Amino acid sequence: MAKEIQQMVIGISREGDIIVKSARGRIYTVKKAAGLEFSCEDLFKDVERDLYATIDTEAETWECIAIE
């Protein structure tokens, strides 16, 4: 399995988790890494551009380590 995967960001949960959509269409939440700053406003800065979350799959609970 890959150490990191990228999934499309589609939102932020009430708890502050990143909501992503996999290539197969599955939607799930991923915890943000401790140093990652990302807010709901960041989703609307450029609505024409898709954002992708880089997810660390080796962590006990998968976590988002970067947003691009």
PDB file of N, CA and C in Angstrom:
ATOM      1  N   MET A   1       0.840  -1.184   0.000  1.00  0.00           N
ATOM      2  CA  MET A   1       0.000   0.000   0.000  1.00  0.00           C
ATOM      3  C   MET A   1       0.888   1.251   0.000  1.00  0.00           C
ATOM      4  N   ALA A   2       0.433   2.296  -0.629  1.00  0.00           N
ATOM      5  CA  ALA A   2       1.186   3.549  -0.712  1.00  0.00           C
ATOM      6  C   ALA A   2       1.259   4.234   0.648  1.00  0.00           C
ATOM      7  N   LYS A   3       2.364   4.935   0.880  1.00  0.00           N
ATOM      8  CA  LYS A   3       2.508   5.688   2.125  1.00  0.00           C
ATOM      9  C   LYS A   3       1.575   6.891   2.141  1.00  0.00           C
ATOM     10  N   GLU A   4       1.428   7.523   0.975  1.00  0.00           N
ATOM     11  CA  GLU A   4       0.567   8.692   0.860  1.00  0.00           C
ATOM     12  C   GLU A   4      -0.333   8.533  -0.349  1.00  0.00           C
ATOM     13  N   ILE A   5      -1.564   8.995  -0.205  1.00  0.00           N
ATOM     14  CA  ILE A   5      -2.496   9.014  -1.323  1.00  0.00           C
ATOM     15  C   ILE A   5      -3.090  10.411  -1.424  1.00  0.00           C
ATOM     16  N   GLN A   6      -3.624  10.734  -2.582  1.00  0.00           N
ATOM     17  CA  GLN A   6      -4.276  12.027  -2.756  1.00  0.00           C
ATOM     18  C   GLN A   6      -5.743  11.800  -3.071  1.00  0.00           C
ATOM     19  N   GLN A   7      -6.593  12.565  -2.377  1.00  0.00           N
ATOM     20  CA  GLN A   7      -8.033  12.477  -2.573  1.00  0.00           C
ATOM     21  C   GLN A   7      -8.574  13.899  -2.759  1.00  0.00           C
ATOM     22  N   MET A   8      -9.653  14.032  -3.528  1.00  0.00           N
ATOM     23  CA  MET A   8     -10.252  15.341  -3.759  1.00  0.00           C
ATOM     24  C   MET A   8     -10.959  15.834  -2.492  1.00  0.00           C
ATOM     25  N   VAL A   9     -10.703  17.077  -2.121  1.00  0.00           N
ATOM     26  CA  VAL A   9     -11.350  17.686  -0.960  1.00  0.00           C
ATOM     27  C   VAL A   9     -12.718  18.194  -1.390  1.00  0.00           C
ATOM     28  N   ILE A  10     -13.760  17.825  -0.623  1.00  0.00           N
ATOM     29  CA  ILE A  10     -15.095  18.304  -0.952  1.00  0.00           C
ATOM     30  C   ILE A  10     -15.737  19.101   0.182  1.00  0.00           C
ATOM     31  N   GLY A  11     -15.081  19.150   1.349  1.00  0.00           N
ATOM     32  CA  GLY A  11     -15.641  19.927   2.447  1.00  0.00           C
ATOM     33  C   GLY A  11     -14.896  19.750   3.752  1.00  0.00           C
ATOM     34  N   ILE A  12     -15.475  20.366   4.787  1.00  0.00           N
ATOM     35  CA  ILE A  12     -14.947  20.267   6.145  1.00  0.00           C
ATOM     36  C   ILE A  12     -16.112  19.926   7.059  1.00  0.00           C
ATOM     37  N   SER A  13     -15.896  18.980   7.958  1.00  0.00           N
ATOM     38  CA  SER A  13     -16.953  18.576   8.887  1.00  0.00           C
ATOM     39  C   SER A  13     -17.076  19.585  10.031  1.00  0.00           C
ATOM     40  N   ARG A  14     -18.123  19.470  10.806  1.00  0.00           N
ATOM     41  CA  ARG A  14     -18.314  20.340  11.973  1.00  0.00           C
ATOM     42  C   ARG A  14     -17.180  20.210  12.965  1.00  0.00           C
ATOM     43  N   GLU A  15     -16.583  19.027  13.029  1.00  0.00           N
ATOM     44  CA  GLU A  15     -15.489  18.772  13.965  1.00  0.00           C
ATOM     45  C   GLU A  15     -14.149  19.276  13.440  1.00  0.00           C
ATOM     46  N   GLY A  16     -14.116  19.768  12.196  1.00  0.00           N
ATOM     47  CA  GLY A  16     -12.886  20.278  11.613  1.00  0.00           C
ATOM     48  C   GLY A  16     -12.112  19.263  10.799  1.00  0.00           C
ATOM     49  N   ASP A  17     -12.695  18.078  10.578  1.00  0.00           N
ATOM     50  CA  ASP A  17     -12.044  17.071   9.752  1.00  0.00           C
ATOM     51  C   ASP A  17     -12.232  17.432   8.274  1.00  0.00           C
ATOM     52  N   ILE A  18     -11.321  16.945   7.443  1.00  0.00           N
ATOM     53  CA  ILE A  18     -11.393  17.172   6.001  1.00  0.00           C
ATOM     54  C   ILE A  18     -12.260  16.070   5.390  1.00  0.00           C
ATOM     55  N   ILE A  19     -13.237  16.451   4.560  1.00  0.00           N
ATOM     56  CA  ILE A  19     -14.087  15.484   3.870  1.00  0.00           C
ATOM     57  C   ILE A  19     -13.531  15.318   2.465  1.00  0.00           C
ATOM     58  N   VAL A  20     -13.235  14.069   2.099  1.00  0.00           N
ATOM     59  CA  VAL A  20     -12.629  13.781   0.804  1.00  0.00           C
ATOM     60  C   VAL A  20     -13.463  12.762   0.036  1.00  0.00           C
ATOM     61  N   LYS A  21     -13.201  12.716  -1.273  1.00  0.00           N
ATOM     62  CA  LYS A  21     -13.879  11.756  -2.142  1.00  0.00           C
ATOM     63  C   LYS A  21     -12.806  10.955  -2.865  1.00  0.00           C
ATOM     64  N   SER A  22     -12.887   9.641  -2.780  1.00  0.00           N
ATOM     65  CA  SER A  22     -11.902   8.772  -3.425  1.00  0.00           C
ATOM     66  C   SER A  22     -12.184   8.673  -4.919  1.00  0.00           C
ATOM     67  N   ALA A  23     -11.237   8.110  -5.648  1.00  0.00           N
ATOM     68  CA  ALA A  23     -11.395   7.915  -7.089  1.00  0.00           C
ATOM     69  C   ALA A  23     -12.572   6.991  -7.399  1.00  0.00           C
ATOM     70  N   ARG A  24     -12.900   6.107  -6.465  1.00  0.00           N
ATOM     71  CA  ARG A  24     -14.030   5.188  -6.649  1.00  0.00           C
ATOM     72  C   ARG A  24     -15.360   5.791  -6.224  1.00  0.00           C
ATOM     73  N   GLY A  25     -15.347   7.031  -5.730  1.00  0.00           N
ATOM     74  CA  GLY A  25     -16.581   7.716  -5.370  1.00  0.00           C
ATOM     75  C   GLY A  25     -16.954   7.635  -3.902  1.00  0.00           C
ATOM     76  N   ARG A  26     -16.144   6.969  -3.095  1.00  0.00           N
ATOM     77  CA  ARG A  26     -16.436   6.862  -1.657  1.00  0.00           C
ATOM     78  C   ARG A  26     -16.119   8.184  -0.964  1.00  0.00           C
ATOM     79  N   ILE A  27     -16.999   8.630  -0.093  1.00  0.00           N
ATOM     80  CA  ILE A  27     -16.809   9.880   0.647  1.00  0.00           C
ATOM     81  C   ILE A  27     -16.551   9.541   2.104  1.00  0.00           C
ATOM     82  N   TYR A  28     -15.488  10.123   2.669  1.00  0.00           N
ATOM     83  CA  TYR A  28     -15.149   9.868   4.070  1.00  0.00           C
ATOM     84  C   TYR A  28     -14.390  11.052   4.647  1.00  0.00           C
ATOM     85  N   THR A  29     -14.258  11.072   5.979  1.00  0.00           N
ATOM     86  CA  THR A  29     -13.530  12.152   6.653  1.00  0.00           C
ATOM     87  C   THR A  29     -12.147  11.671   7.062  1.00  0.00           C
ATOM     88  N   VAL A  30     -11.222  12.645   7.110  1.00  0.00           N
ATOM     89  CA  VAL A  30      -9.843  12.379   7.505  1.00  0.00           C
ATOM     90  C   VAL A  30      -9.448  13.468   8.494  1.00  0.00           C
ATOM     91  N   LYS A  31      -8.801  13.076   9.584  1.00  0.00           N
ATOM     92  CA  LYS A  31      -8.321  14.042  10.578  1.00  0.00           C
ATOM     93  C   LYS A  31      -7.234  14.922   9.968  1.00  0.00           C
ATOM     94  N   LYS A  32      -7.155  16.176  10.414  1.00  0.00           N
ATOM     95  CA  LYS A  32      -6.082  17.068   9.996  1.00  0.00           C
ATOM     96  C   LYS A  32      -4.852  16.797  10.851  1.00  0.00           C
ATOM     97  N   ALA A  33      -3.672  16.861  10.238  1.00  0.00           N
ATOM     98  CA  ALA A  33      -2.420  16.745  10.985  1.00  0.00           C
ATOM     99  C   ALA A  33      -2.309  17.965  11.900  1.00  0.00           C
ATOM    100  N   ALA A  34      -1.569  17.816  12.991  1.00  0.00           N
ATOM    101  CA  ALA A  34      -1.467  18.861  14.002  1.00  0.00           C
ATOM    102  C   ALA A  34      -1.025  20.213  13.440  1.00  0.00           C
ATOM    103  N   GLY A  35      -0.099  20.240  12.509  1.00  0.00           N
ATOM    104  CA  GLY A  35       0.416  21.502  11.997  1.00  0.00           C
ATOM    105  C   GLY A  35      -0.311  22.054  10.782  1.00  0.00           C
ATOM    106  N   LEU A  36      -1.342  21.375  10.304  1.00  0.00           N
ATOM    107  CA  LEU A  36      -2.048  21.794   9.093  1.00  0.00           C
ATOM    108  C   LEU A  36      -3.117  22.826   9.411  1.00  0.00           C
ATOM    109  N   GLU A  37      -3.024  23.979   8.757  1.00  0.00           N
ATOM    110  CA  GLU A  37      -4.036  25.030   8.899  1.00  0.00           C
ATOM    111  C   GLU A  37      -4.885  25.034   7.634  1.00  0.00           C
ATOM    112  N   PHE A  38      -6.190  24.799   7.782  1.00  0.00           N
ATOM    113  CA  PHE A  38      -7.111  24.782   6.648  1.00  0.00           C
ATOM    114  C   PHE A  38      -8.499  25.107   7.178  1.00  0.00           C
ATOM    115  N   SER A  39      -9.175  26.056   6.536  1.00  0.00           N
ATOM    116  CA  SER A  39     -10.498  26.463   7.001  1.00  0.00           C
ATOM    117  C   SER A  39     -11.508  26.361   5.865  1.00  0.00           C
ATOM    118  N   CYS A  40     -12.744  26.543   6.195  1.00  0.00           N
ATOM    119  CA  CYS A  40     -13.827  26.494   5.214  1.00  0.00           C
ATOM    120  C   CYS A  40     -13.638  27.581   4.146  1.00  0.00           C
ATOM    121  N   GLU A  41     -13.130  28.729   4.544  1.00  0.00           N
ATOM    122  CA  GLU A  41     -12.907  29.826   3.606  1.00  0.00           C
ATOM    123  C   GLU A  41     -11.913  29.435   2.517  1.00  0.00           C
ATOM    124  N   ASP A  42     -10.963  28.564   2.855  1.00  0.00           N
ATOM    125  CA  ASP A  42      -9.974  28.113   1.880  1.00  0.00           C
ATOM    126  C   ASP A  42     -10.626  27.355   0.720  1.00  0.00           C
ATOM    127  N   LEU A  43     -11.769  26.734   0.974  1.00  0.00           N
ATOM    128  CA  LEU A  43     -12.484  26.007  -0.079  1.00  0.00           C
ATOM    129  C   LEU A  43     -13.036  26.942  -1.141  1.00  0.00           C
ATOM    130  N   PHE A  44     -13.332  28.192  -0.766  1.00  0.00           N
ATOM    131  CA  PHE A  44     -14.011  29.112  -1.669  1.00  0.00           C
ATOM    132  C   PHE A  44     -13.113  30.176  -2.268  1.00  0.00           C
ATOM    133  N   LYS A  45     -11.808  30.109  -2.009  1.00  0.00           N
ATOM    134  CA  LYS A  45     -10.891  31.110  -2.579  1.00  0.00           C
ATOM    135  C   LYS A  45     -10.896  31.063  -4.098  1.00  0.00           C
ATOM    136  N   ASP A  46     -10.857  29.886  -4.668  1.00  0.00           N
ATOM    137  CA  ASP A  46     -10.877  29.706  -6.120  1.00  0.00           C
ATOM    138  C   ASP A  46     -11.779  28.524  -6.432  1.00  0.00           C
ATOM    139  N   VAL A  47     -13.037  28.807  -6.712  1.00  0.00           N
ATOM    140  CA  VAL A  47     -14.020  27.734  -6.897  1.00  0.00           C
ATOM    141  C   VAL A  47     -13.825  26.956  -8.194  1.00  0.00           C
ATOM    142  N   GLU A  48     -13.029  27.463  -9.108  1.00  0.00           N
ATOM    143  CA  GLU A  48     -12.761  26.776 -10.369  1.00  0.00           C
ATOM    144  C   GLU A  48     -11.666  25.719 -10.223  1.00  0.00           C
ATOM    145  N   ARG A  49     -10.958  25.708  -9.113  1.00  0.00           N
ATOM    146  CA  ARG A  49      -9.820  24.813  -8.905  1.00  0.00           C
ATOM    147  C   ARG A  49     -10.181  23.719  -7.900  1.00  0.00           C
ATOM    148  N   ASP A  50      -9.845  22.479  -8.232  1.00  0.00           N
ATOM    149  CA  ASP A  50     -10.050  21.370  -7.300  1.00  0.00           C
ATOM    150  C   ASP A  50      -8.900  21.324  -6.306  1.00  0.00           C
ATOM    151  N   LEU A  51      -9.212  21.052  -5.054  1.00  0.00           N
ATOM    152  CA  LEU A  51      -8.197  20.893  -4.020  1.00  0.00           C
ATOM    153  C   LEU A  51      -8.031  19.411  -3.722  1.00  0.00           C
ATOM    154  N   TYR A  52      -6.786  19.009  -3.464  1.00  0.00           N
ATOM    155  CA  TYR A  52      -6.504  17.623  -3.155  1.00  0.00           C
ATOM    156  C   TYR A  52      -5.782  17.517  -1.824  1.00  0.00           C
ATOM    157  N   ALA A  53      -6.211  16.561  -1.021  1.00  0.00           N
ATOM    158  CA  ALA A  53      -5.597  16.304   0.279  1.00  0.00           C
ATOM    159  C   ALA A  53      -4.576  15.180   0.116  1.00  0.00           C
ATOM    160  N   THR A  54      -3.390  15.399   0.663  1.00  0.00           N
ATOM    161  CA  THR A  54      -2.392  14.341   0.728  1.00  0.00           C
ATOM    162  C   THR A  54      -2.586  13.646   2.067  1.00  0.00           C
ATOM    163  N   ILE A  55      -2.857  12.351   2.043  1.00  0.00           N
ATOM    164  CA  ILE A  55      -3.216  11.597   3.239  1.00  0.00           C
ATOM    165  C   ILE A  55      -2.122  10.598   3.577  1.00  0.00           C
ATOM    166  N   ASP A  56      -1.662  10.642   4.819  1.00  0.00           N
ATOM    167  CA  ASP A  56      -0.662   9.701   5.315  1.00  0.00           C
ATOM    168  C   ASP A  56      -1.381   8.421   5.724  1.00  0.00           C
ATOM    169  N   THR A  57      -1.139   7.346   4.988  1.00  0.00           N
ATOM    170  CA  THR A  57      -1.828   6.088   5.258  1.00  0.00           C
ATOM    171  C   THR A  57      -1.075   5.201   6.245  1.00  0.00           C
ATOM    172  N   GLU A  58       0.130   5.617   6.628  1.00  0.00           N
ATOM    173  CA  GLU A  58       0.884   4.827   7.600  1.00  0.00           C
ATOM    174  C   GLU A  58       0.558   5.219   9.037  1.00  0.00           C
ATOM    175  N   ALA A  59      -0.129   6.325   9.234  1.00  0.00           N
ATOM    176  CA  ALA A  59      -0.533   6.730  10.576  1.00  0.00           C
ATOM    177  C   ALA A  59      -1.604   5.767  11.076  1.00  0.00           C
ATOM    178  N   GLU A  60      -1.681   5.591  12.389  1.00  0.00           N
ATOM    179  CA  GLU A  60      -2.686   4.686  12.982  1.00  0.00           C
ATOM    180  C   GLU A  60      -4.083   5.050  12.490  1.00  0.00           C
ATOM    181  N   THR A  61      -4.433   6.312  12.598  1.00  0.00           N
ATOM    182  CA  THR A  61      -5.652   6.843  12.001  1.00  0.00           C
ATOM    183  C   THR A  61      -5.205   7.729  10.852  1.00  0.00           C
ATOM    184  N   TRP A  62      -5.679   7.450   9.652  1.00  0.00           N
ATOM    185  CA  TRP A  62      -5.244   8.241   8.499  1.00  0.00           C
ATOM    186  C   TRP A  62      -5.430   9.715   8.788  1.00  0.00           C
ATOM    187  N   GLU A  63      -4.449  10.538   8.367  1.00  0.00           N
ATOM    188  CA  GLU A  63      -4.568  11.972   8.579  1.00  0.00           C
ATOM    189  C   GLU A  63      -4.087  12.728   7.363  1.00  0.00           C
ATOM    190  N   CYS A  64      -4.697  13.903   7.177  1.00  0.00           N
ATOM    191  CA  CYS A  64      -4.360  14.794   6.077  1.00  0.00           C
ATOM    192  C   CYS A  64      -3.122  15.581   6.472  1.00  0.00           C
ATOM    193  N   ILE A  65      -2.072  15.509   5.657  1.00  0.00           N
ATOM    194  CA  ILE A  65      -0.833  16.202   5.988  1.00  0.00           C
ATOM    195  C   ILE A  65      -0.596  17.424   5.104  1.00  0.00           C
ATOM    196  N   ALA A  66      -1.344  17.551   3.981  1.00  0.00           N
ATOM    197  CA  ALA A  66      -1.173  18.707   3.106  1.00  0.00           C
ATOM    198  C   ALA A  66      -2.421  18.868   2.235  1.00  0.00           C
ATOM    199  N   ILE A  67      -2.671  20.119   1.849  1.00  0.00           N
ATOM    200  CA  ILE A  67      -3.751  20.438   0.912  1.00  0.00           C
ATOM    201  C   ILE A  67      -3.113  21.162  -0.269  1.00  0.00           C
ATOM    202  N   GLU A  68      -3.366  20.700  -1.478  1.00  0.00           N
ATOM    203  CA  GLU A  68      -2.801  21.330  -2.679  1.00  0.00           C
ATOM    204  C   GLU A  68      -3.890  21.716  -3.637  1.00  0.00           C
TER     205      GLU A  68
END
